[in-house]
Amino acid sequence: VKLTTRSGLGADARLRDLQNRLGFTVALARQATERNADIRSRVDALTRFEEALEPSRLAREETFGQPHASERLRAWLREELLLLRSSI
């Protein structure tokens, strides 16, 4: 699937029930751009994209690649998510 717009990517993620994973990936990309002076100019665009995805976020917990995560990993993910949301 070739997606050239953020709105197209967000819509496709919702159709495939992947909006949480897309939001997580965008958040990681934003954090990486904040740490890299060469690409820091993209922080604002990624922040706006991340904010646009937030209303579509699903309440359920999921992991990016492990279908059955341990409770310890889930607790760590919840803590990291709270920190991530407070940085937006």
PDB file of N, CA and C in Angstrom:
ATOM      1  N   VAL A   1       0.851  -1.178   0.000  1.00  0.00           N
ATOM      2  CA  VAL A   1       0.000   0.000   0.000  1.00  0.00           C
ATOM      3  C   VAL A   1       0.888   1.230   0.000  1.00  0.00           C
ATOM      4  N   LYS A   2       0.678   2.113  -0.942  1.00  0.00           N
ATOM      5  CA  LYS A   2       1.460   3.341  -1.002  1.00  0.00           C
ATOM      6  C   LYS A   2       0.638   4.471  -0.400  1.00  0.00           C
ATOM      7  N   LEU A   3       1.119   4.998   0.689  1.00  0.00           N
ATOM      8  CA  LEU A   3       0.432   6.093   1.367  1.00  0.00           C
ATOM      9  C   LEU A   3       1.347   7.303   1.371  1.00  0.00           C
ATOM     10  N   THR A   4       0.854   8.401   0.858  1.00  0.00           N
ATOM     11  CA  THR A   4       1.718   9.573   0.749  1.00  0.00           C
ATOM     12  C   THR A   4       1.333  10.681   1.700  1.00  0.00           C
ATOM     13  N   THR A   5       0.221  10.558   2.401  1.00  0.00           N
ATOM     14  CA  THR A   5      -0.194  11.599   3.331  1.00  0.00           C
ATOM     15  C   THR A   5      -0.351  11.024   4.722  1.00  0.00           C
ATOM     16  N   ARG A   6      -0.200  11.903   5.716  1.00  0.00           N
ATOM     17  CA  ARG A   6      -0.403  11.456   7.096  1.00  0.00           C
ATOM     18  C   ARG A   6      -1.838  11.028   7.306  1.00  0.00           C
ATOM     19  N   SER A   7      -2.792  11.761   6.709  1.00  0.00           N
ATOM     20  CA  SER A   7      -4.194  11.386   6.895  1.00  0.00           C
ATOM     21  C   SER A   7      -4.481  10.024   6.262  1.00  0.00           C
ATOM     22  N   GLY A   8      -3.864   9.752   5.122  1.00  0.00           N
ATOM     23  CA  GLY A   8      -4.038   8.449   4.485  1.00  0.00           C
ATOM     24  C   GLY A   8      -3.448   7.335   5.323  1.00  0.00           C
ATOM     25  N   LEU A   9      -2.295   7.598   5.916  1.00  0.00           N
ATOM     26  CA  LEU A   9      -1.656   6.607   6.777  1.00  0.00           C
ATOM     27  C   LEU A   9      -2.505   6.349   8.020  1.00  0.00           C
ATOM     28  N   GLY A  10      -3.022   7.421   8.617  1.00  0.00           N
ATOM     29  CA  GLY A  10      -3.873   7.275   9.800  1.00  0.00           C
ATOM     30  C   GLY A  10      -5.148   6.517   9.477  1.00  0.00           C
ATOM     31  N   ALA A  11      -5.771   6.835   8.340  1.00  0.00           N
ATOM     32  CA  ALA A  11      -7.005   6.148   7.939  1.00  0.00           C
ATOM     33  C   ALA A  11      -6.743   4.670   7.687  1.00  0.00           C
ATOM     34  N   ASP A  12      -5.645   4.356   7.034  1.00  0.00           N
ATOM     35  CA  ASP A  12      -5.320   2.955   6.766  1.00  0.00           C
ATOM     36  C   ASP A  12      -5.043   2.210   8.069  1.00  0.00           C
ATOM     37  N   ALA A  13      -4.369   2.870   9.011  1.00  0.00           N
ATOM     38  CA  ALA A  13      -4.105   2.239  10.312  1.00  0.00           C
ATOM     39  C   ALA A  13      -5.409   1.932  11.032  1.00  0.00           C
ATOM     40  N   ARG A  14      -6.373   2.852  10.976  1.00  0.00           N
ATOM     41  CA  ARG A  14      -7.669   2.607  11.620  1.00  0.00           C
ATOM     42  C   ARG A  14      -8.402   1.443  10.956  1.00  0.00           C
ATOM     43  N   LEU A  15      -8.356   1.377   9.637  1.00  0.00           N
ATOM     44  CA  LEU A  15      -9.011   0.273   8.933  1.00  0.00           C
ATOM     45  C   LEU A  15      -8.431  -1.075   9.326  1.00  0.00           C
ATOM     46  N   ARG A  16      -7.139  -1.093   9.592  1.00  0.00           N
ATOM     47  CA  ARG A  16      -6.448  -2.345   9.924  1.00  0.00           C
ATOM     48  C   ARG A  16      -6.312  -2.559  11.441  1.00  0.00           C
ATOM     49  N   ASP A  17      -6.930  -1.646  12.225  1.00  0.00           N
ATOM     50  CA  ASP A  17      -6.895  -1.742  13.682  1.00  0.00           C
ATOM     51  C   ASP A  17      -5.461  -1.641  14.213  1.00  0.00           C
ATOM     52  N   LEU A  18      -4.683  -0.762  13.607  1.00  0.00           N
ATOM     53  CA  LEU A  18      -3.273  -0.607  13.984  1.00  0.00           C
ATOM     54  C   LEU A  18      -2.949   0.797  14.487  1.00  0.00           C
ATOM     55  N   GLN A  19      -3.964   1.570  14.881  1.00  0.00           N
ATOM     56  CA  GLN A  19      -3.704   2.954  15.253  1.00  0.00           C
ATOM     57  C   GLN A  19      -2.820   3.095  16.486  1.00  0.00           C
ATOM     58  N   ASN A  20      -2.907   2.171  17.444  1.00  0.00           N
ATOM     59  CA  ASN A  20      -2.023   2.252  18.605  1.00  0.00           C
ATOM     60  C   ASN A  20      -0.567   2.051  18.196  1.00  0.00           C
ATOM     61  N   ARG A  21      -0.339   1.107  17.331  1.00  0.00           N
ATOM     62  CA  ARG A  21       1.033   0.831  16.899  1.00  0.00           C
ATOM     63  C   ARG A  21       1.590   1.985  16.072  1.00  0.00           C
ATOM     64  N   LEU A  22       0.752   2.568  15.238  1.00  0.00           N
ATOM     65  CA  LEU A  22       1.194   3.727  14.462  1.00  0.00           C
ATOM     66  C   LEU A  22       1.522   4.884  15.404  1.00  0.00           C
ATOM     67  N   GLY A  23       0.651   5.130  16.375  1.00  0.00           N
ATOM     68  CA  GLY A  23       0.899   6.203  17.335  1.00  0.00           C
ATOM     69  C   GLY A  23       2.193   5.989  18.104  1.00  0.00           C
ATOM     70  N   PHE A  24       2.451   4.761  18.507  1.00  0.00           N
ATOM     71  CA  PHE A  24       3.681   4.436  19.220  1.00  0.00           C
ATOM     72  C   PHE A  24       4.900   4.690  18.325  1.00  0.00           C
ATOM     73  N   THR A  25       4.805   4.280  17.080  1.00  0.00           N
ATOM     74  CA  THR A  25       5.905   4.466  16.140  1.00  0.00           C
ATOM     75  C   THR A  25       6.166   5.948  15.895  1.00  0.00           C
ATOM     76  N   VAL A  26       5.097   6.725  15.749  1.00  0.00           N
ATOM     77  CA  VAL A  26       5.247   8.166  15.540  1.00  0.00           C
ATOM     78  C   VAL A  26       5.865   8.816  16.780  1.00  0.00           C
ATOM     79  N   ALA A  27       5.445   8.369  17.974  1.00  0.00           N
ATOM     80  CA  ALA A  27       6.021   8.907  19.209  1.00  0.00           C
ATOM     81  C   ALA A  27       7.517   8.610  19.292  1.00  0.00           C
ATOM     82  N   LEU A  28       7.908   7.408  18.927  1.00  0.00           N
ATOM     83  CA  LEU A  28       9.337   7.064  18.917  1.00  0.00           C
ATOM     84  C   LEU A  28      10.101   7.927  17.912  1.00  0.00           C
ATOM     85  N   ALA A  29       9.500   8.130  16.747  1.00  0.00           N
ATOM     86  CA  ALA A  29      10.146   8.961  15.723  1.00  0.00           C
ATOM     87  C   ALA A  29      10.302  10.393  16.217  1.00  0.00           C
ATOM     88  N   ARG A  30       9.271  10.908  16.888  1.00  0.00           N
ATOM     89  CA  ARG A  30       9.355  12.270  17.425  1.00  0.00           C
ATOM     90  C   ARG A  30      10.481  12.372  18.445  1.00  0.00           C
ATOM     91  N   GLN A  31      10.570  11.405  19.331  1.00  0.00           N
ATOM     92  CA  GLN A  31      11.627  11.427  20.340  1.00  0.00           C
ATOM     93  C   GLN A  31      13.007  11.363  19.690  1.00  0.00           C
ATOM     94  N   ALA A  32      13.137  10.561  18.657  1.00  0.00           N
ATOM     95  CA  ALA A  32      14.426  10.449  17.957  1.00  0.00           C
ATOM     96  C   ALA A  32      14.786  11.770  17.280  1.00  0.00           C
ATOM     97  N   THR A  33      13.803  12.441  16.691  1.00  0.00           N
ATOM     98  CA  THR A  33      14.099  13.713  16.019  1.00  0.00           C
ATOM     99  C   THR A  33      14.468  14.787  17.025  1.00  0.00           C
ATOM    100  N   GLU A  34      13.895  14.718  18.218  1.00  0.00           N
ATOM    101  CA  GLU A  34      14.240  15.695  19.255  1.00  0.00           C
ATOM    102  C   GLU A  34      15.704  15.572  19.670  1.00  0.00           C
ATOM    103  N   ARG A  35      16.256  14.391  19.522  1.00  0.00           N
ATOM    104  CA  ARG A  35      17.644  14.138  19.947  1.00  0.00           C
ATOM    105  C   ARG A  35      18.662  14.318  18.829  1.00  0.00           C
ATOM    106  N   ASN A  36      18.203  14.543  17.604  1.00  0.00           N
ATOM    107  CA  ASN A  36      19.108  14.617  16.459  1.00  0.00           C
ATOM    108  C   ASN A  36      18.991  15.985  15.797  1.00  0.00           C
ATOM    109  N   ALA A  37      20.013  16.783  15.931  1.00  0.00           N
ATOM    110  CA  ALA A  37      19.991  18.152  15.411  1.00  0.00           C
ATOM    111  C   ALA A  37      19.773  18.198  13.903  1.00  0.00           C
ATOM    112  N   ASP A  38      20.236  17.188  13.172  1.00  0.00           N
ATOM    113  CA  ASP A  38      20.114  17.190  11.710  1.00  0.00           C
ATOM    114  C   ASP A  38      18.666  17.083  11.241  1.00  0.00           C
ATOM    115  N   ILE A  39      17.802  16.485  12.050  1.00  0.00           N
ATOM    116  CA  ILE A  39      16.402  16.294  11.630  1.00  0.00           C
ATOM    117  C   ILE A  39      15.412  16.926  12.602  1.00  0.00           C
ATOM    118  N   ARG A  40      15.895  17.760  13.493  1.00  0.00           N
ATOM    119  CA  ARG A  40      15.040  18.369  14.505  1.00  0.00           C
ATOM    120  C   ARG A  40      13.908  19.203  13.899  1.00  0.00           C
ATOM    121  N   SER A  41      14.071  19.637  12.665  1.00  0.00           N
ATOM    122  CA  SER A  41      13.036  20.446  12.017  1.00  0.00           C
ATOM    123  C   SER A  41      11.741  19.670  11.817  1.00  0.00           C
ATOM    124  N   ARG A  42      11.779  18.365  11.937  1.00  0.00           N
ATOM    125  CA  ARG A  42      10.578  17.536  11.734  1.00  0.00           C
ATOM    126  C   ARG A  42       9.787  17.288  13.022  1.00  0.00           C
ATOM    127  N   VAL A  43      10.279  17.776  14.137  1.00  0.00           N
ATOM    128  CA  VAL A  43       9.613  17.538  15.416  1.00  0.00           C
ATOM    129  C   VAL A  43       8.183  18.073  15.400  1.00  0.00           C
ATOM    130  N   ASP A  44       7.984  19.287  14.913  1.00  0.00           N
ATOM    131  CA  ASP A  44       6.641  19.874  14.920  1.00  0.00           C
ATOM    132  C   ASP A  44       5.659  19.040  14.100  1.00  0.00           C
ATOM    133  N   ALA A  45       6.076  18.591  12.929  1.00  0.00           N
ATOM    134  CA  ALA A  45       5.194  17.785  12.083  1.00  0.00           C
ATOM    135  C   ALA A  45       4.841  16.466  12.761  1.00  0.00           C
ATOM    136  N   LEU A  46       5.825  15.828  13.389  1.00  0.00           N
ATOM    137  CA  LEU A  46       5.559  14.568  14.075  1.00  0.00           C
ATOM    138  C   LEU A  46       4.673  14.783  15.300  1.00  0.00           C
ATOM    139  N   THR A  47       4.861  15.879  16.006  1.00  0.00           N
ATOM    140  CA  THR A  47       4.019  16.190  17.154  1.00  0.00           C
ATOM    141  C   THR A  47       2.571  16.385  16.715  1.00  0.00           C
ATOM    142  N   ARG A  48       2.371  17.120  15.624  1.00  0.00           N
ATOM    143  CA  ARG A  48       1.005  17.318  15.109  1.00  0.00           C
ATOM    144  C   ARG A  48       0.384  15.988  14.684  1.00  0.00           C
ATOM    145  N   PHE A  49       1.163  15.141  14.037  1.00  0.00           N
ATOM    146  CA  PHE A  49       0.665  13.838  13.607  1.00  0.00           C
ATOM    147  C   PHE A  49       0.292  12.994  14.823  1.00  0.00           C
ATOM    148  N   GLU A  50       1.152  13.002  15.825  1.00  0.00           N
ATOM    149  CA  GLU A  50       0.899  12.252  17.054  1.00  0.00           C
ATOM    150  C   GLU A  50      -0.399  12.740  17.720  1.00  0.00           C
ATOM    151  N   GLU A  51      -0.584  14.041  17.777  1.00  0.00           N
ATOM    152  CA  GLU A  51      -1.793  14.613  18.370  1.00  0.00           C
ATOM    153  C   GLU A  51      -3.036  14.261  17.544  1.00  0.00           C
ATOM    154  N   ALA A  52      -2.894  14.215  16.226  1.00  0.00           N
ATOM    155  CA  ALA A  52      -4.019  13.865  15.358  1.00  0.00           C
ATOM    156  C   ALA A  52      -4.432  12.404  15.541  1.00  0.00           C
ATOM    157  N   LEU A  53      -3.481  11.548  15.882  1.00  0.00           N
ATOM    158  CA  LEU A  53      -3.775  10.126  16.089  1.00  0.00           C
ATOM    159  C   LEU A  53      -4.409   9.847  17.448  1.00  0.00           C
ATOM    160  N   GLU A  54      -4.192  10.706  18.405  1.00  0.00           N
ATOM    161  CA  GLU A  54      -4.640  10.464  19.782  1.00  0.00           C
ATOM    162  C   GLU A  54      -6.136  10.166  19.897  1.00  0.00           C
ATOM    163  N   PRO A  55      -7.034  10.891  19.222  1.00  0.00           N
ATOM    164  CA  PRO A  55      -8.462  10.567  19.365  1.00  0.00           C
ATOM    165  C   PRO A  55      -8.832   9.161  18.885  1.00  0.00           C
ATOM    166  N   SER A  56      -8.020   8.579  18.033  1.00  0.00           N
ATOM    167  CA  SER A  56      -8.304   7.242  17.505  1.00  0.00           C
ATOM    168  C   SER A  56      -7.652   6.138  18.323  1.00  0.00           C
ATOM    169  N   ARG A  57      -6.915   6.529  19.348  1.00  0.00           N
ATOM    170  CA  ARG A  57      -6.200   5.534  20.141  1.00  0.00           C
ATOM    171  C   ARG A  57      -7.181   4.603  20.826  1.00  0.00           C
ATOM    172  N   LEU A  58      -6.865   3.335  20.798  1.00  0.00           N
ATOM    173  CA  LEU A  58      -7.701   2.328  21.443  1.00  0.00           C
ATOM    174  C   LEU A  58      -7.307   2.207  22.908  1.00  0.00           C
ATOM    175  N   ALA A  59      -8.283   1.968  23.766  1.00  0.00           N
ATOM    176  CA  ALA A  59      -8.025   1.880  25.199  1.00  0.00           C
ATOM    177  C   ALA A  59      -7.300   0.595  25.580  1.00  0.00           C
ATOM    178  N   ARG A  60      -7.415  -0.425  24.758  1.00  0.00           N
ATOM    179  CA  ARG A  60      -6.808  -1.708  25.132  1.00  0.00           C
ATOM    180  C   ARG A  60      -5.278  -1.628  25.079  1.00  0.00           C
ATOM    181  N   GLU A  61      -4.674  -2.418  25.921  1.00  0.00           N
ATOM    182  CA  GLU A  61      -3.225  -2.515  25.931  1.00  0.00           C
ATOM    183  C   GLU A  61      -2.795  -3.530  24.897  1.00  0.00           C
ATOM    184  N   GLU A  62      -1.730  -3.232  24.204  1.00  0.00           N
ATOM    185  CA  GLU A  62      -1.155  -4.198  23.284  1.00  0.00           C
ATOM    186  C   GLU A  62       0.344  -3.951  23.206  1.00  0.00           C
ATOM    187  N   THR A  63       1.056  -4.966  22.802  1.00  0.00           N
ATOM    188  CA  THR A  63       2.490  -4.820  22.632  1.00  0.00           C
ATOM    189  C   THR A  63       2.788  -4.760  21.154  1.00  0.00           C
ATOM    190  N   PHE A  64       3.919  -4.202  20.828  1.00  0.00           N
ATOM    191  CA  PHE A  64       4.252  -3.984  19.424  1.00  0.00           C
ATOM    192  C   PHE A  64       4.529  -5.291  18.700  1.00  0.00           C
ATOM    193  N   GLY A  65       5.218  -6.204  19.317  1.00  0.00           N
ATOM    194  CA  GLY A  65       5.574  -7.414  18.591  1.00  0.00           C
ATOM    195  C   GLY A  65       5.346  -8.707  19.338  1.00  0.00           C
ATOM    196  N   GLN A  66       4.980  -8.622  20.600  1.00  0.00           N
ATOM    197  CA  GLN A  66       4.805  -9.833  21.387  1.00  0.00           C
ATOM    198  C   GLN A  66       3.331 -10.001  21.736  1.00  0.00           C
ATOM    199  N   PRO A  67       2.687 -11.046  21.239  1.00  0.00           N
ATOM    200  CA  PRO A  67       1.265 -11.212  21.524  1.00  0.00           C
ATOM    201  C   PRO A  67       0.974 -11.498  22.992  1.00  0.00           C
ATOM    202  N   HIS A  68       1.916 -12.103  23.705  1.00  0.00           N
ATOM    203  CA  HIS A  68       1.694 -12.456  25.104  1.00  0.00           C
ATOM    204  C   HIS A  68       2.832 -11.894  25.949  1.00  0.00           C
ATOM    205  N   ALA A  69       2.672 -10.663  26.375  1.00  0.00           N
ATOM    206  CA  ALA A  69       3.711 -10.030  27.178  1.00  0.00           C
ATOM    207  C   ALA A  69       3.490 -10.347  28.651  1.00  0.00           C
ATOM    208  N   SER A  70       4.578 -10.374  29.392  1.00  0.00           N
ATOM    209  CA  SER A  70       4.488 -10.624  30.826  1.00  0.00           C
ATOM    210  C   SER A  70       3.856  -9.422  31.519  1.00  0.00           C
ATOM    211  N   GLU A  71       3.357  -9.646  32.721  1.00  0.00           N
ATOM    212  CA  GLU A  71       2.757  -8.545  33.483  1.00  0.00           C
ATOM    213  C   GLU A  71       3.808  -7.483  33.801  1.00  0.00           C
ATOM    214  N   ARG A  72       5.029  -7.908  34.036  1.00  0.00           N
ATOM    215  CA  ARG A  72       6.112  -6.951  34.318  1.00  0.00           C
ATOM    216  C   ARG A  72       6.340  -6.032  33.121  1.00  0.00           C
ATOM    217  N   LEU A  73       6.353  -6.607  31.918  1.00  0.00           N
ATOM    218  CA  LEU A  73       6.521  -5.803  30.708  1.00  0.00           C
ATOM    219  C   LEU A  73       5.332  -4.871  30.512  1.00  0.00           C
ATOM    220  N   ARG A  74       4.124  -5.362  30.739  1.00  0.00           N
ATOM    221  CA  ARG A  74       2.935  -4.519  30.602  1.00  0.00           C
ATOM    222  C   ARG A  74       2.958  -3.352  31.587  1.00  0.00           C
ATOM    223  N   ALA A  75       3.406  -3.594  32.816  1.00  0.00           N
ATOM    224  CA  ALA A  75       3.499  -2.522  33.819  1.00  0.00           C
ATOM    225  C   ALA A  75       4.512  -1.472  33.363  1.00  0.00           C
ATOM    226  N   TRP A  76       5.637  -1.920  32.840  1.00  0.00           N
ATOM    227  CA  TRP A  76       6.650  -0.989  32.332  1.00  0.00           C
ATOM    228  C   TRP A  76       6.091  -0.172  31.166  1.00  0.00           C
ATOM    229  N   LEU A  77       5.362  -0.835  30.269  1.00  0.00           N
ATOM    230  CA  LEU A  77       4.773  -0.128  29.127  1.00  0.00           C
ATOM    231  C   LEU A  77       3.764   0.918  29.576  1.00  0.00           C
ATOM    232  N   ARG A  78       2.947   0.585  30.578  1.00  0.00           N
ATOM    233  CA  ARG A  78       1.978   1.570  31.096  1.00  0.00           C
ATOM    234  C   ARG A  78       2.695   2.792  31.646  1.00  0.00           C
ATOM    235  N   GLU A  79       3.782   2.552  32.396  1.00  0.00           N
ATOM    236  CA  GLU A  79       4.558   3.653  32.971  1.00  0.00           C
ATOM    237  C   GLU A  79       5.175   4.521  31.867  1.00  0.00           C
ATOM    238  N   GLU A  80       5.748   3.880  30.868  1.00  0.00           N
ATOM    239  CA  GLU A  80       6.346   4.618  29.750  1.00  0.00           C
ATOM    240  C   GLU A  80       5.305   5.407  28.972  1.00  0.00           C
ATOM    241  N   LEU A  81       4.124   4.839  28.810  1.00  0.00           N
ATOM    242  CA  LEU A  81       3.050   5.526  28.103  1.00  0.00           C
ATOM    243  C   LEU A  81       2.636   6.794  28.839  1.00  0.00           C
ATOM    244  N   LEU A  82       2.549   6.708  30.158  1.00  0.00           N
ATOM    245  CA  LEU A  82       2.218   7.897  30.926  1.00  0.00           C
ATOM    246  C   LEU A  82       3.278   8.984  30.763  1.00  0.00           C
ATOM    247  N   LEU A  83       4.532   8.587  30.780  1.00  0.00           N
ATOM    248  CA  LEU A  83       5.614   9.551  30.574  1.00  0.00           C
ATOM    249  C   LEU A  83       5.566  10.154  29.178  1.00  0.00           C
ATOM    250  N   LEU A  84       5.273   9.315  28.191  1.00  0.00           N
ATOM    251  CA  LEU A  84       5.202   9.774  26.809  1.00  0.00           C
ATOM    252  C   LEU A  84       4.071  10.778  26.637  1.00  0.00           C
ATOM    253  N   ARG A  85       2.924  10.478  27.188  1.00  0.00           N
ATOM    254  CA  ARG A  85       1.779  11.386  27.064  1.00  0.00           C
ATOM    255  C   ARG A  85       2.044  12.712  27.761  1.00  0.00           C
ATOM    256  N   SER A  86       2.769  12.683  28.867  1.00  0.00           N
ATOM    257  CA  SER A  86       3.047  13.933  29.585  1.00  0.00           C
ATOM    258  C   SER A  86       4.059  14.805  28.844  1.00  0.00           C
ATOM    259  N   SER A  87       4.781  14.214  27.892  1.00  0.00           N
ATOM    260  CA  SER A  87       5.772  14.991  27.142  1.00  0.00           C
ATOM    261  C   SER A  87       5.200  15.637  25.888  1.00  0.00           C
ATOM    262  N   ILE A  88       3.956  15.336  25.566  1.00  0.00           N
ATOM    263  CA  ILE A  88       3.338  15.918  24.346  1.00  0.00           C
ATOM    264  C   ILE A  88       2.904  17.335  24.611  1.00  0.00           C
TER     265      ILE A  88
END
